[in-house]
PDB file of N, CA and C in Angstrom:
ATOM      1  N   MET A   1      18.535  20.208  18.964  1.00  0.00           N
ATOM      2  CA  MET A   1      17.361  19.418  18.679  1.00  0.00           C
ATOM      3  C   MET A   1      16.261  19.805  19.666  1.00  0.00           C
ATOM      4  N   ALA A   2      15.034  19.910  19.174  1.00  0.00           N
ATOM      5  CA  ALA A   2      13.918  20.308  20.022  1.00  0.00           C
ATOM      6  C   ALA A   2      13.506  19.162  20.937  1.00  0.00           C
ATOM      7  N   VAL A   3      13.290  19.504  22.200  1.00  0.00           N
ATOM      8  CA  VAL A   3      12.872  18.523  23.202  1.00  0.00           C
ATOM      9  C   VAL A   3      11.599  19.051  23.844  1.00  0.00           C
ATOM     10  N   PRO A   4      10.562  18.204  24.004  1.00  0.00           N
ATOM     11  CA  PRO A   4       9.338  18.688  24.621  1.00  0.00           C
ATOM     12  C   PRO A   4       9.557  19.100  26.071  1.00  0.00           C
ATOM     13  N   LYS A   5       8.946  20.205  26.468  1.00  0.00           N
ATOM     14  CA  LYS A   5       9.112  20.698  27.829  1.00  0.00           C
ATOM     15  C   LYS A   5       8.204  19.959  28.803  1.00  0.00           C
ATOM     16  N   ARG A   6       7.027  19.510  28.333  1.00  0.00           N
ATOM     17  CA  ARG A   6       6.071  18.818  29.189  1.00  0.00           C
ATOM     18  C   ARG A   6       5.657  17.496  28.541  1.00  0.00           C
ATOM     19  N   LYS A   7       5.212  16.577  29.381  1.00  0.00           N
ATOM     20  CA  LYS A   7       4.708  15.300  28.893  1.00  0.00           C
ATOM     21  C   LYS A   7       3.395  15.534  28.145  1.00  0.00           C
ATOM     22  N   MET A   8       3.245  14.901  26.999  1.00  0.00           N
ATOM     23  CA  MET A   8       2.013  15.023  26.238  1.00  0.00           C
ATOM     24  C   MET A   8       0.987  14.031  26.781  1.00  0.00           C
ATOM     25  N   SER A   9      -0.221  14.492  27.038  1.00  0.00           N
ATOM     26  CA  SER A   9      -1.248  13.638  27.631  1.00  0.00           C
ATOM     27  C   SER A   9      -1.657  12.529  26.664  1.00  0.00           C
ATOM     28  N   ARG A  10      -2.268  11.494  27.206  1.00  0.00           N
ATOM     29  CA  ARG A  10      -2.694  10.372  26.382  1.00  0.00           C
ATOM     30  C   ARG A  10      -3.735  10.795  25.358  1.00  0.00           C
ATOM     31  N   SER A  11      -4.663  11.653  25.765  1.00  0.00           N
ATOM     32  CA  SER A  11      -5.715  12.064  24.825  1.00  0.00           C
ATOM     33  C   SER A  11      -5.131  12.889  23.679  1.00  0.00           C
ATOM     34  N   ASN A  12      -4.172  13.755  23.990  1.00  0.00           N
ATOM     35  CA  ASN A  12      -3.543  14.522  22.913  1.00  0.00           C
ATOM     36  C   ASN A  12      -2.728  13.628  22.003  1.00  0.00           C
ATOM     37  N   THR A  13      -2.016  12.665  22.577  1.00  0.00           N
ATOM     38  CA  THR A  13      -1.227  11.746  21.773  1.00  0.00           C
ATOM     39  C   THR A  13      -2.126  10.933  20.866  1.00  0.00           C
ATOM     40  N   ARG A  14      -3.215  10.417  21.421  1.00  0.00           N
ATOM     41  CA  ARG A  14      -4.117   9.576  20.631  1.00  0.00           C
ATOM     42  C   ARG A  14      -4.867  10.389  19.581  1.00  0.00           C
ATOM     43  N   SER A  15      -5.186  11.638  19.907  1.00  0.00           N
ATOM     44  CA  SER A  15      -5.851  12.494  18.916  1.00  0.00           C
ATOM     45  C   SER A  15      -4.917  12.763  17.738  1.00  0.00           C
ATOM     46  N   ARG A  16      -3.650  12.966  18.034  1.00  0.00           N
ATOM     47  CA  ARG A  16      -2.679  13.203  16.972  1.00  0.00           C
ATOM     48  C   ARG A  16      -2.491  11.949  16.128  1.00  0.00           C
ATOM     49  N   ARG A  17      -2.407  10.786  16.793  1.00  0.00           N
ATOM     50  CA  ARG A  17      -2.204   9.539  16.063  1.00  0.00           C
ATOM     51  C   ARG A  17      -3.424   9.118  15.269  1.00  0.00           C
ATOM     52  N   ALA A  18      -4.602   9.624  15.622  1.00  0.00           N
ATOM     53  CA  ALA A  18      -5.828   9.264  14.904  1.00  0.00           C
ATOM     54  C   ALA A  18      -5.793   9.744  13.459  1.00  0.00           C
ATOM     55  N   GLN A  19      -4.898  10.676  13.142  1.00  0.00           N
ATOM     56  CA  GLN A  19      -4.803  11.184  11.781  1.00  0.00           C
ATOM     57  C   GLN A  19      -3.981  10.272  10.878  1.00  0.00           C
ATOM     58  N   TRP A  20      -3.257   9.298  11.453  1.00  0.00           N
ATOM     59  CA  TRP A  20      -2.445   8.386  10.653  1.00  0.00           C
ATOM     60  C   TRP A  20      -3.351   7.334  10.048  1.00  0.00           C
ATOM     61  N   LYS A  21      -3.841   7.563   8.855  1.00  0.00           N
ATOM     62  CA  LYS A  21      -4.750   6.622   8.218  1.00  0.00           C
ATOM     63  C   LYS A  21      -4.050   5.969   7.030  1.00  0.00           C
ATOM     64  N   THR A  22      -4.317   4.705   6.858  1.00  0.00           N
ATOM     65  CA  THR A  22      -3.771   4.015   5.695  1.00  0.00           C
ATOM     66  C   THR A  22      -4.814   4.015   4.592  1.00  0.00           C
ATOM     67  N   THR A  23      -4.346   3.913   3.376  1.00  0.00           N
ATOM     68  CA  THR A  23      -5.248   3.830   2.226  1.00  0.00           C
ATOM     69  C   THR A  23      -4.970   2.522   1.500  1.00  0.00           C
ATOM     70  N   ALA A  24      -5.973   2.016   0.848  1.00  0.00           N
ATOM     71  CA  ALA A  24      -5.810   0.783   0.080  1.00  0.00           C
ATOM     72  C   ALA A  24      -4.895   1.056  -1.110  1.00  0.00           C
ATOM     73  N   ALA A  25      -4.073   0.084  -1.426  1.00  0.00           N
ATOM     74  CA  ALA A  25      -3.166   0.238  -2.557  1.00  0.00           C
ATOM     75  C   ALA A  25      -3.980   0.304  -3.849  1.00  0.00           C
ATOM     76  N   PRO A  26      -3.643   1.218  -4.753  1.00  0.00           N
ATOM     77  CA  PRO A  26      -4.418   1.323  -5.989  1.00  0.00           C
ATOM     78  C   PRO A  26      -4.159   0.127  -6.897  1.00  0.00           C
ATOM     79  N   LEU A  27      -5.202  -0.338  -7.539  1.00  0.00           N
ATOM     80  CA  LEU A  27      -5.090  -1.465  -8.456  1.00  0.00           C
ATOM     81  C   LEU A  27      -4.969  -0.937  -9.877  1.00  0.00           C
ATOM     82  N   VAL A  28      -4.212  -1.655 -10.702  1.00  0.00           N
ATOM     83  CA  VAL A  28      -4.066  -1.310 -12.110  1.00  0.00           C
ATOM     84  C   VAL A  28      -4.505  -2.512 -12.931  1.00  0.00           C
ATOM     85  N   ALA A  29      -4.812  -2.291 -14.190  1.00  0.00           N
ATOM     86  CA  ALA A  29      -5.233  -3.375 -15.068  1.00  0.00           C
ATOM     87  C   ALA A  29      -4.005  -4.090 -15.615  1.00  0.00           C
ATOM     88  N   CYS A  30      -4.067  -5.411 -15.641  1.00  0.00           N
ATOM     89  CA  CYS A  30      -2.985  -6.210 -16.224  1.00  0.00           C
ATOM     90  C   CYS A  30      -2.930  -5.919 -17.723  1.00  0.00           C
ATOM     91  N   SER A  31      -1.740  -5.818 -18.274  1.00  0.00           N
ATOM     92  CA  SER A  31      -1.607  -5.467 -19.691  1.00  0.00           C
ATOM     93  C   SER A  31      -2.030  -6.610 -20.607  1.00  0.00           C
ATOM     94  N   ARG A  32      -2.022  -7.838 -20.100  1.00  0.00           N
ATOM     95  CA  ARG A  32      -2.392  -8.968 -20.944  1.00  0.00           C
ATOM     96  C   ARG A  32      -3.848  -9.387 -20.765  1.00  0.00           C
ATOM     97  N   CYS A  33      -4.279  -9.596 -19.524  1.00  0.00           N
ATOM     98  CA  CYS A  33      -5.628 -10.135 -19.295  1.00  0.00           C
ATOM     99  C   CYS A  33      -6.610  -9.092 -18.784  1.00  0.00           C
ATOM    100  N   ARG A  34      -6.173  -7.876 -18.510  1.00  0.00           N
ATOM    101  CA  ARG A  34      -7.004  -6.771 -18.043  1.00  0.00           C
ATOM    102  C   ARG A  34      -7.670  -7.030 -16.693  1.00  0.00           C
ATOM    103  N   GLU A  35      -7.170  -7.976 -15.920  1.00  0.00           N
ATOM    104  CA  GLU A  35      -7.665  -8.204 -14.560  1.00  0.00           C
ATOM    105  C   GLU A  35      -7.006  -7.181 -13.630  1.00  0.00           C
ATOM    106  N   PRO A  36      -7.687  -6.745 -12.580  1.00  0.00           N
ATOM    107  CA  PRO A  36      -7.053  -5.806 -11.643  1.00  0.00           C
ATOM    108  C   PRO A  36      -5.960  -6.502 -10.834  1.00  0.00           C
ATOM    109  N   LYS A  37      -4.829  -5.823 -10.670  1.00  0.00           N
ATOM    110  CA  LYS A  37      -3.706  -6.358  -9.908  1.00  0.00           C
ATOM    111  C   LYS A  37      -2.988  -5.206  -9.243  1.00  0.00           C
ATOM    112  N   MET A  38      -2.136  -5.530  -8.276  1.00  0.00           N
ATOM    113  CA  MET A  38      -1.335  -4.497  -7.645  1.00  0.00           C
ATOM    114  C   MET A  38      -0.212  -4.079  -8.583  1.00  0.00           C
ATOM    115  N   ALA A  39       0.141  -2.810  -8.545  1.00  0.00           N
ATOM    116  CA  ALA A  39       1.203  -2.300  -9.400  1.00  0.00           C
ATOM    117  C   ALA A  39       2.544  -2.907  -9.001  1.00  0.00           C
ATOM    118  N   HIS A  40       3.386  -3.162  -9.966  1.00  0.00           N
ATOM    119  CA  HIS A  40       4.737  -3.702  -9.783  1.00  0.00           C
ATOM    120  C   HIS A  40       4.719  -5.098  -9.155  1.00  0.00           C
ATOM    121  N   GLN A  41       3.681  -5.863  -9.423  1.00  0.00           N
ATOM    122  CA  GLN A  41       3.566  -7.237  -8.937  1.00  0.00           C
ATOM    123  C   GLN A  41       3.169  -8.115 -10.120  1.00  0.00           C
ATOM    124  N   ALA A  42       3.515  -9.396 -10.059  1.00  0.00           N
ATOM    125  CA  ALA A  42       3.074 -10.321 -11.095  1.00  0.00           C
ATOM    126  C   ALA A  42       1.562 -10.491 -11.000  1.00  0.00           C
ATOM    127  N   CYS A  43       0.911 -10.644 -12.126  1.00  0.00           N
ATOM    128  CA  CYS A  43      -0.548 -10.794 -12.158  1.00  0.00           C
ATOM    129  C   CYS A  43      -0.912 -12.162 -11.586  1.00  0.00           C
ATOM    130  N   PRO A  44      -1.808 -12.220 -10.597  1.00  0.00           N
ATOM    131  CA  PRO A  44      -2.164 -13.510 -10.018  1.00  0.00           C
ATOM    132  C   PRO A  44      -3.028 -14.363 -10.930  1.00  0.00           C
ATOM    133  N   SER A  45      -3.709 -13.759 -11.913  1.00  0.00           N
ATOM    134  CA  SER A  45      -4.598 -14.554 -12.761  1.00  0.00           C
ATOM    135  C   SER A  45      -3.881 -15.147 -13.972  1.00  0.00           C
ATOM    136  N   CYS A  46      -2.979 -14.401 -14.597  1.00  0.00           N
ATOM    137  CA  CYS A  46      -2.288 -14.953 -15.770  1.00  0.00           C
ATOM    138  C   CYS A  46      -0.801 -15.195 -15.522  1.00  0.00           C
ATOM    139  N   GLY A  47      -0.246 -14.689 -14.431  1.00  0.00           N
ATOM    140  CA  GLY A  47       1.140 -14.961 -14.075  1.00  0.00           C
ATOM    141  C   GLY A  47       2.173 -14.203 -14.870  1.00  0.00           C
ATOM    142  N   THR A  48       1.823 -13.068 -15.420  1.00  0.00           N
ATOM    143  CA  THR A  48       2.790 -12.293 -16.204  1.00  0.00           C
ATOM    144  C   THR A  48       3.200 -11.040 -15.457  1.00  0.00           C
ATOM    145  N   TYR A  49       4.390 -10.575 -15.779  1.00  0.00           N
ATOM    146  CA  TYR A  49       4.882  -9.295 -15.281  1.00  0.00           C
ATOM    147  C   TYR A  49       5.650  -8.657 -16.417  1.00  0.00           C
ATOM    148  N   ASN A  50       5.283  -7.448 -16.771  1.00  0.00           N
ATOM    149  CA  ASN A  50       5.936  -6.706 -17.855  1.00  0.00           C
ATOM    150  C   ASN A  50       5.870  -7.503 -19.160  1.00  0.00           C
ATOM    151  N   ASP A  51       4.708  -8.114 -19.404  1.00  0.00           N
ATOM    152  CA  ASP A  51       4.420  -8.917 -20.603  1.00  0.00           C
ATOM    153  C   ASP A  51       5.335 -10.134 -20.757  1.00  0.00           C
ATOM    154  N   ARG A  52       5.858 -10.649 -19.641  1.00  0.00           N
ATOM    155  CA  ARG A  52       6.639 -11.890 -19.668  1.00  0.00           C
ATOM    156  C   ARG A  52       6.016 -12.861 -18.678  1.00  0.00           C
ATOM    157  N   ALA A  53       6.005 -14.145 -19.035  1.00  0.00           N
ATOM    158  CA  ALA A  53       5.451 -15.169 -18.138  1.00  0.00           C
ATOM    159  C   ALA A  53       6.425 -15.394 -16.987  1.00  0.00           C
ATOM    160  N   ILE A  54       5.982 -15.146 -15.772  1.00  0.00           N
ATOM    161  CA  ILE A  54       6.812 -15.282 -14.595  1.00  0.00           C
ATOM    162  C   ILE A  54       6.349 -16.460 -13.753  1.00  0.00           C
ATOM    163  N   LEU A  55       5.027 -16.589 -13.552  1.00  0.00           N
ATOM    164  CA  LEU A  55       4.464 -17.625 -12.704  1.00  0.00           C
ATOM    165  C   LEU A  55       3.785 -18.678 -13.550  1.00  0.00           C
ATOM    166  N   ASP A  56       3.813 -19.913 -13.070  1.00  0.00           N
ATOM    167  CA  ASP A  56       3.062 -20.983 -13.716  1.00  0.00           C
ATOM    168  C   ASP A  56       1.659 -20.997 -13.123  1.00  0.00           C
ATOM    169  N   VAL A  57       0.700 -20.571 -13.927  1.00  0.00           N
ATOM    170  CA  VAL A  57      -0.685 -20.517 -13.442  1.00  0.00           C
ATOM    171  C   VAL A  57      -1.523 -21.513 -14.219  1.00  0.00           C
TER     172      VAL A  57
END
C-alpha cells in the first residue's frame, strides 16, 4: 500500500479539498400533478409515489 513520504502542507490539502463540490439533486416532474419533486421520493404536493397514494395530503 502506498504511504506518503512527506507531510502534505495545509495549503496543498485545502487546495485539493476545494475541488470536492456538491451539486443540487436534480428534480423530476411528478407523474400525477407535474410538480417538481426529488427522484425516488413521495411527492410532497399530492402524496403519491409510483402512481399510488402514499401520504395523506
